[in-house]
Amino acid sequence: MVKRTTIRDVAAAAGVSVTTVSHTLNGKGRIDAETAKRVREFANKLGYKASAAARSLQSSRTGHIAIQHSRSSAHQVSLIELEYFIQIVAGASNVAAARGYHLSMLLTANNHESDWAGTDGVILIDPISGDPLIKELKNKNIVVVTTGRDTNQEAEDGLWVDNDNVKAILLVLEHLTENGAKQIALLTTPGDYSYSLETLQAYKEWCVQRGQIPMDRQLEGGINETIAYHATLDLFSGSMKPDAIHCVTDRYAMGAMMAVESLGLKVPNDCLITAGTDSDAARLVVPPLTALDLHPNEVGVNAATLLIDEIEGLKHKNHHIVPVDLNLRGSSSIRK
């Protein structure tokens, strides 16, 4: 008969006490993250599995977490925008499965009380400033991690994962300048979101330093090509016209490209265009869009790790910054 692995076996292999193993696997106390990782690795290696029912009784946890867009957001997930969302979900799902949690997706804009029943924590994508859903969840003692920061709070408050939005826009502006742009415009969403607020502030500061007059538009009404199309026509209606446009989303960028071409101009010859998010559509449009890779899978991984660490009482930093890369393509190629 094969001997069943016990908690004492795991403790001996990891070089820690039985209590430490118990607290790690049951989410009690505050165990150092490295110690907790070592314990889980030896538990997996030895094939030790704690009873899910017993773990739930001991810790008052259900093992269920959820992920959704902020229901306060005007930018609810549509079929076209699912790519970015699904990559975040994929990263979070891998972590949840490895840590013994079940991850649910909540895609509706108006949740009911029953949606949160038995949920230990929620990953909330793109909260607005002062998002009421964060307060609602916390009032129900549900742990919340946001992807994108609630700008109504100090950076050290709350639990969040975000990209370095300032470095991202400066990377784009430097690229466009090196490729001959003299008057760079910005199409962004309202400043209710951390990425739009930080991008706009950094852009305006850059303009002051370079002696350029800012040409920015904060687009209301959601994220779609039509809104960006008309905003781009407006940019070209005055005496000062842009020779480059950065759009915070690929959909805005595609709308901008259509507007430029409707004016009888060419991308990139007459106007360089870049996007703040990457996608299959951005890669397939003609010319292909230069776009920022925000690494949404990594955002999901870090958000789920932070959420579960908080649920289990493990030590962690309150936030994590995911770096970005700029994928160079034909929409911003060097002018001859």
Protein backbone atom coordinates (compact mmCIF):
# COMPACT_ATOMS: atom_id res chain seq x y z
CA MET A 1 0.00 0.00 0.00
CA VAL A 2 1.33 3.45 -0.98
CA LYS A 3 1.74 5.68 2.03
CA ARG A 4 -0.40 8.83 1.87
CA THR A 5 1.58 12.05 2.03
CA THR A 6 0.86 13.99 5.19
CA ILE A 7 1.32 17.59 6.23
CA ARG A 8 4.30 16.47 8.34
CA ASP A 9 5.99 15.11 5.21
CA VAL A 10 5.61 18.49 3.51
CA ALA A 11 6.94 20.32 6.57
CA ALA A 12 10.02 18.07 6.76
CA ALA A 13 10.78 18.45 3.04
CA ALA A 14 10.37 22.24 3.10
CA GLY A 15 12.31 22.63 6.33
CA VAL A 16 9.51 24.45 8.14
CA SER A 17 7.07 23.70 10.93
CA VAL A 18 3.77 21.89 10.50
CA THR A 19 2.06 25.11 11.59
CA THR A 20 3.75 27.05 8.77
CA VAL A 21 2.59 24.47 6.23
CA SER A 22 -0.94 24.56 7.63
CA HIS A 23 -1.09 28.36 7.61
CA THR A 24 0.30 28.52 4.09
CA LEU A 25 -2.14 26.01 2.61
CA ASN A 26 -5.12 27.31 4.58
CA GLY A 27 -4.43 31.01 4.12
CA LYS A 28 -3.92 31.83 7.78
CA GLY A 29 -1.46 34.26 9.33
CA ARG A 30 1.05 36.24 7.28
CA ILE A 31 3.66 33.93 5.81
CA ASP A 32 6.64 35.26 3.90
CA ALA A 33 5.99 34.92 0.15
CA GLU A 34 9.20 32.94 -0.50
CA THR A 35 8.45 30.52 2.33
CA ALA A 36 4.87 30.08 1.08
CA LYS A 37 6.13 29.42 -2.43
CA ARG A 38 8.57 26.78 -1.16
CA VAL A 39 5.86 25.07 0.86
CA ARG A 40 3.48 24.95 -2.11
CA GLU A 41 6.22 23.62 -4.38
CA PHE A 42 7.02 20.74 -2.00
CA ALA A 43 3.32 20.06 -1.45
CA ASN A 44 2.85 19.73 -5.21
CA LYS A 45 6.04 17.67 -5.62
CA LEU A 46 5.00 15.23 -2.90
CA GLY A 47 1.42 15.10 -4.15
CA TYR A 48 -0.08 16.47 -0.95
CA LYS A 49 -3.65 17.74 -1.35
CA ALA A 50 -5.55 19.27 1.51
CA SER A 51 -9.27 18.61 1.67
CA ALA A 52 -11.08 21.46 -0.08
CA ALA A 53 -13.99 21.19 2.34
CA ALA A 54 -11.70 21.24 5.36
CA ARG A 55 -9.75 24.18 3.96
CA SER A 56 -12.96 26.12 3.45
CA LEU A 57 -14.13 25.43 7.00
CA GLN A 58 -10.77 26.38 8.50
CA SER A 59 -10.27 29.58 6.55
CA SER A 60 -13.85 30.77 5.84
CA ARG A 61 -12.85 30.98 2.17
CA THR A 62 -14.74 29.52 -0.77
CA GLY A 63 -11.91 29.30 -3.29
CA HIS A 64 -13.90 31.35 -5.82
CA ILE A 65 -12.67 34.60 -7.37
CA ALA A 66 -14.11 36.70 -10.21
CA ILE A 67 -12.92 39.08 -12.93
CA GLN A 68 -14.84 41.78 -14.79
CA HIS A 69 -14.76 45.24 -16.32
CA SER A 70 -15.96 48.04 -14.10
CA ARG A 71 -19.72 48.33 -14.52
CA SER A 72 -19.29 52.09 -14.07
CA SER A 73 -17.15 52.25 -17.20
CA ALA A 74 -18.56 53.62 -20.45
CA HIS A 75 -16.12 51.23 -22.14
CA GLN A 76 -17.81 47.93 -21.44
CA VAL A 77 -16.33 44.88 -23.12
CA SER A 78 -17.67 44.32 -26.63
CA LEU A 79 -17.04 41.40 -28.96
CA ILE A 80 -14.42 43.45 -30.79
CA GLU A 81 -12.58 44.34 -27.58
CA LEU A 82 -12.53 40.86 -26.11
CA GLU A 83 -8.94 40.12 -27.20
CA TYR A 84 -7.33 42.33 -24.54
CA PHE A 85 -9.81 41.18 -21.88
CA ILE A 86 -9.35 37.49 -22.69
CA GLN A 87 -5.56 37.78 -22.44
CA ILE A 88 -5.91 39.22 -18.94
CA VAL A 89 -8.35 36.43 -18.06
CA ALA A 90 -5.99 33.79 -19.46
CA GLY A 91 -3.10 35.01 -17.29
CA ALA A 92 -5.31 35.21 -14.21
CA SER A 93 -6.82 31.77 -14.89
CA ASN A 94 -3.41 30.08 -14.97
CA VAL A 95 -2.52 31.53 -11.58
CA ALA A 96 -5.92 30.72 -10.10
CA ALA A 97 -5.72 27.08 -11.23
CA ALA A 98 -2.19 26.69 -9.87
CA ARG A 99 -3.26 28.11 -6.51
CA GLY A 100 -6.42 25.99 -6.25
CA TYR A 101 -9.01 28.70 -7.04
CA HIS A 102 -11.93 28.81 -9.45
CA LEU A 103 -12.08 31.96 -11.59
CA SER A 104 -15.41 33.25 -12.95
CA MET A 105 -15.91 35.94 -15.60
CA LEU A 106 -18.62 38.53 -14.98
CA LEU A 107 -19.36 40.37 -18.22
CA THR A 108 -22.65 42.05 -17.36
CA ALA A 109 -22.86 45.76 -16.72
CA ASN A 110 -25.40 45.47 -13.89
CA ASN A 111 -24.53 42.82 -11.35
CA HIS A 112 -26.93 41.42 -8.80
CA GLU A 113 -26.33 40.63 -5.13
CA SER A 114 -26.11 36.93 -5.98
CA ASP A 115 -23.11 37.51 -8.25
CA TRP A 116 -20.89 38.14 -5.22
CA ALA A 117 -22.22 35.32 -3.04
CA GLY A 118 -19.38 33.00 -2.12
CA THR A 119 -16.70 35.13 -3.82
CA ASP A 120 -13.41 35.66 -2.00
CA GLY A 121 -12.05 38.37 -4.31
CA VAL A 122 -12.53 40.28 -7.56
CA ILE A 123 -10.17 41.55 -10.26
CA LEU A 124 -11.73 44.76 -11.56
CA ILE A 125 -10.54 45.99 -14.96
CA ASP A 126 -10.38 49.72 -15.77
CA PRO A 127 -12.00 51.30 -12.70
CA ILE A 128 -13.04 54.93 -13.01
CA SER A 129 -11.89 57.54 -10.53
CA GLY A 130 -13.73 56.92 -7.25
CA ASP A 131 -15.35 53.80 -8.69
CA PRO A 132 -18.43 52.97 -6.55
CA LEU A 133 -18.04 49.24 -7.26
CA ILE A 134 -14.76 49.15 -5.32
CA LYS A 135 -16.50 50.55 -2.24
CA GLU A 136 -19.45 48.19 -2.69
CA LEU A 137 -17.21 45.13 -2.85
CA LYS A 138 -15.13 46.20 0.14
CA ASN A 139 -18.32 46.73 2.16
CA LYS A 140 -19.06 43.06 1.50
CA ASN A 141 -15.55 42.11 2.74
CA ILE A 142 -14.54 41.04 -0.75
CA VAL A 143 -10.89 41.64 -1.65
CA VAL A 144 -10.48 43.85 -4.73
CA VAL A 145 -7.49 44.18 -7.06
CA THR A 146 -7.79 46.57 -9.98
CA THR A 147 -5.97 46.56 -13.31
CA GLY A 148 -5.54 50.25 -13.77
CA ARG A 149 -5.54 52.46 -10.69
CA ASP A 150 -8.40 54.30 -9.04
CA THR A 151 -6.97 57.82 -9.45
CA ASN A 152 -9.19 59.07 -6.63
CA GLN A 153 -6.84 57.22 -4.26
CA GLU A 154 -3.18 57.76 -3.52
CA ALA A 155 -0.86 55.44 -5.45
CA GLU A 156 0.04 53.58 -2.24
CA ASP A 157 -3.61 52.93 -1.40
CA GLY A 158 -5.57 49.98 -2.67
CA LEU A 159 -4.31 46.90 -4.53
CA TRP A 160 -3.60 47.41 -8.22
CA VAL A 161 -1.63 46.36 -11.28
CA ASP A 162 -0.93 48.83 -14.08
CA ASN A 163 1.43 49.65 -16.91
CA ASP A 164 3.95 52.48 -16.69
CA ASN A 165 1.73 54.84 -18.64
CA VAL A 166 4.14 57.78 -18.47
CA LYS A 167 7.06 55.80 -19.88
CA ALA A 168 4.72 54.38 -22.52
CA ILE A 169 3.64 57.73 -23.96
CA LEU A 170 7.18 59.12 -23.79
CA LEU A 171 8.41 56.08 -25.72
CA VAL A 172 5.83 56.80 -28.43
CA LEU A 173 6.56 60.54 -28.57
CA GLU A 174 10.29 59.90 -28.88
CA HIS A 175 9.66 57.42 -31.70
CA LEU A 176 7.40 59.82 -33.61
CA THR A 177 9.86 62.69 -33.19
CA GLU A 178 12.74 60.55 -34.45
CA ASN A 179 10.63 59.73 -37.48
CA GLY A 180 10.12 63.36 -38.43
CA ALA A 181 6.96 64.42 -36.60
CA LYS A 182 6.77 68.11 -35.66
CA GLN A 183 3.17 68.44 -34.47
CA ILE A 184 1.89 65.39 -32.59
CA ALA A 185 -1.78 65.13 -31.61
CA LEU A 186 -3.35 62.86 -28.97
CA LEU A 187 -6.71 61.10 -28.99
CA THR A 188 -7.57 59.72 -25.56
CA THR A 189 -10.48 58.69 -23.37
CA PRO A 190 -11.80 60.91 -20.55
CA GLY A 191 -9.50 61.42 -17.58
CA ASP A 192 -11.55 59.10 -15.36
CA TYR A 193 -9.08 56.30 -16.10
CA SER A 194 -5.49 56.03 -14.87
CA TYR A 195 -4.09 55.33 -18.33
CA SER A 196 -5.84 58.31 -19.92
CA LEU A 197 -5.08 60.72 -17.07
CA GLU A 198 -1.39 59.81 -16.84
CA THR A 199 -0.97 59.75 -20.62
CA LEU A 200 -2.56 63.17 -21.05
CA GLN A 201 -0.55 64.76 -18.25
CA ALA A 202 2.74 63.37 -19.59
CA TYR A 203 1.86 64.45 -23.14
CA LYS A 204 1.11 68.04 -22.07
CA GLU A 205 4.31 68.25 -20.03
CA TRP A 206 6.27 66.95 -23.04
CA CYS A 207 4.65 69.57 -25.27
CA VAL A 208 5.68 72.36 -22.88
CA GLN A 209 9.26 71.09 -22.81
CA ARG A 210 9.39 70.84 -26.61
CA GLY A 211 7.61 74.14 -27.27
CA GLN A 212 4.75 72.38 -29.06
CA ILE A 213 1.15 73.49 -28.75
CA PRO A 214 -0.86 70.55 -27.37
CA MET A 215 -3.43 69.08 -29.75
CA ASP A 216 -5.44 66.66 -27.60
CA ARG A 217 -8.99 65.43 -27.69
CA GLN A 218 -10.70 63.49 -24.86
CA LEU A 219 -13.32 61.41 -26.63
CA GLU A 220 -16.67 60.83 -24.90
CA GLY A 221 -19.10 58.02 -25.63
CA GLY A 222 -17.03 54.86 -25.59
CA ILE A 223 -14.27 53.38 -27.69
CA ASN A 224 -15.03 53.04 -31.38
CA GLU A 225 -13.69 54.04 -34.77
CA THR A 226 -16.51 56.48 -35.57
CA ILE A 227 -15.78 58.79 -32.63
CA ALA A 228 -12.07 58.84 -33.48
CA TYR A 229 -12.85 59.40 -37.18
CA HIS A 230 -14.75 62.63 -36.46
CA ALA A 231 -12.22 63.79 -33.85
CA THR A 232 -9.44 63.38 -36.43
CA LEU A 233 -11.36 65.41 -39.01
CA ASP A 234 -11.68 68.11 -36.36
CA LEU A 235 -7.91 68.06 -35.79
CA PHE A 236 -7.37 68.77 -39.47
CA SER A 237 -10.05 71.47 -39.71
CA GLY A 238 -7.97 74.27 -38.22
CA SER A 239 -4.98 76.19 -39.52
CA MET A 240 -2.58 74.03 -37.48
CA LYS A 241 -2.63 70.42 -38.60
CA PRO A 242 -0.95 67.39 -37.03
CA ASP A 243 1.65 65.34 -38.85
CA ALA A 244 1.37 62.51 -36.28
CA ILE A 245 -1.45 61.21 -34.07
CA HIS A 246 -1.15 58.91 -31.08
CA CYS A 247 -4.38 57.15 -30.08
CA VAL A 248 -4.73 55.43 -26.71
CA THR A 249 -6.51 52.44 -28.29
CA ASP A 250 -6.15 50.57 -31.56
CA ARG A 251 -9.79 51.26 -32.43
CA TYR A 252 -9.21 55.00 -32.16
CA ALA A 253 -6.13 54.58 -34.34
CA MET A 254 -8.07 52.74 -37.04
CA GLY A 255 -10.71 55.49 -37.03
CA ALA A 256 -7.95 58.09 -37.33
CA MET A 257 -6.43 56.25 -40.28
CA MET A 258 -9.78 56.22 -42.10
CA ALA A 259 -10.22 59.96 -41.49
CA VAL A 260 -6.73 60.80 -42.76
CA GLU A 261 -7.31 58.79 -45.93
CA SER A 262 -10.75 60.39 -46.44
CA LEU A 263 -8.95 63.74 -46.65
CA GLY A 264 -6.84 62.46 -49.53
CA LEU A 265 -3.79 62.04 -47.30
CA LYS A 266 -1.63 58.97 -46.78
CA VAL A 267 -0.46 57.10 -43.69
CA PRO A 268 2.46 57.31 -42.93
CA ASN A 269 3.60 59.72 -45.70
CA ASP A 270 1.42 62.64 -44.58
CA CYS A 271 0.57 61.58 -41.03
CA LEU A 272 2.15 59.04 -38.70
CA ILE A 273 -0.29 57.11 -36.52
CA THR A 274 0.34 54.97 -33.44
CA ALA A 275 -1.89 53.04 -31.05
CA GLY A 276 -1.77 52.58 -27.29
CA THR A 277 -3.00 48.97 -27.45
CA ASP A 278 -2.06 46.10 -29.76
CA SER A 279 -4.31 43.49 -31.35
CA ASP A 280 -4.72 41.19 -34.33
CA ALA A 281 -6.68 43.96 -36.04
CA ALA A 282 -3.80 46.40 -35.49
CA ARG A 283 -1.41 43.93 -37.09
CA LEU A 284 -3.67 43.23 -40.08
CA VAL A 285 -4.82 46.74 -41.01
CA VAL A 286 -3.04 48.41 -43.96
CA PRO A 287 -0.59 49.82 -43.19
CA PRO A 288 -0.08 47.78 -40.00
CA LEU A 289 -0.30 49.88 -36.85
CA THR A 290 2.67 50.68 -34.67
CA ALA A 291 1.29 49.85 -31.23
CA LEU A 292 2.19 49.55 -27.57
CA ASP A 293 2.23 46.01 -26.22
CA LEU A 294 0.80 46.30 -22.70
CA HIS A 295 1.39 42.58 -22.00
CA PRO A 296 -2.18 41.92 -20.80
CA ASN A 297 -1.39 38.28 -20.00
CA GLU A 298 1.27 39.47 -17.54
CA VAL A 299 -1.20 41.99 -16.12
CA GLY A 300 -3.60 39.12 -15.44
CA VAL A 301 -0.89 36.97 -13.86
CA ASN A 302 0.17 39.73 -11.48
CA ALA A 303 -3.40 40.73 -10.64
CA ALA A 304 -4.40 37.17 -9.71
CA THR A 305 -1.19 36.64 -7.71
CA LEU A 306 -1.75 39.85 -5.78
CA LEU A 307 -5.40 39.01 -5.16
CA ILE A 308 -4.78 35.48 -3.89
CA ASP A 309 -1.80 36.55 -1.77
CA GLU A 310 -4.06 39.11 -0.09
CA ILE A 311 -6.85 36.56 0.40
CA GLU A 312 -4.40 34.11 1.96
CA GLY A 313 -2.74 36.70 4.15
CA LEU A 314 0.66 36.49 2.47
CA LYS A 315 3.07 39.41 2.51
CA HIS A 316 3.17 41.36 -0.75
CA LYS A 317 3.55 44.79 -2.28
CA ASN A 318 0.29 46.67 -2.81
CA HIS A 319 0.89 47.22 -6.51
CA HIS A 320 2.83 45.97 -9.51
CA ILE A 321 3.96 47.84 -12.63
CA VAL A 322 4.03 45.87 -15.89
CA PRO A 323 6.50 47.25 -18.48
CA VAL A 324 5.46 47.99 -22.08
CA ASP A 325 7.07 47.51 -25.49
CA LEU A 326 6.53 49.43 -28.71
CA ASN A 327 5.90 47.19 -31.72
CA LEU A 328 7.09 49.14 -34.77
CA ARG A 329 5.08 48.76 -37.98
CA GLY A 330 4.24 50.59 -41.20
CA SER A 331 1.91 53.28 -39.82
CA SER A 332 4.88 55.20 -38.39
CA SER A 333 7.70 54.19 -40.73
CA ILE A 334 10.61 56.57 -41.29
CA ARG A 335 9.91 59.17 -43.95
CA LYS A 336 12.29 59.19 -46.89
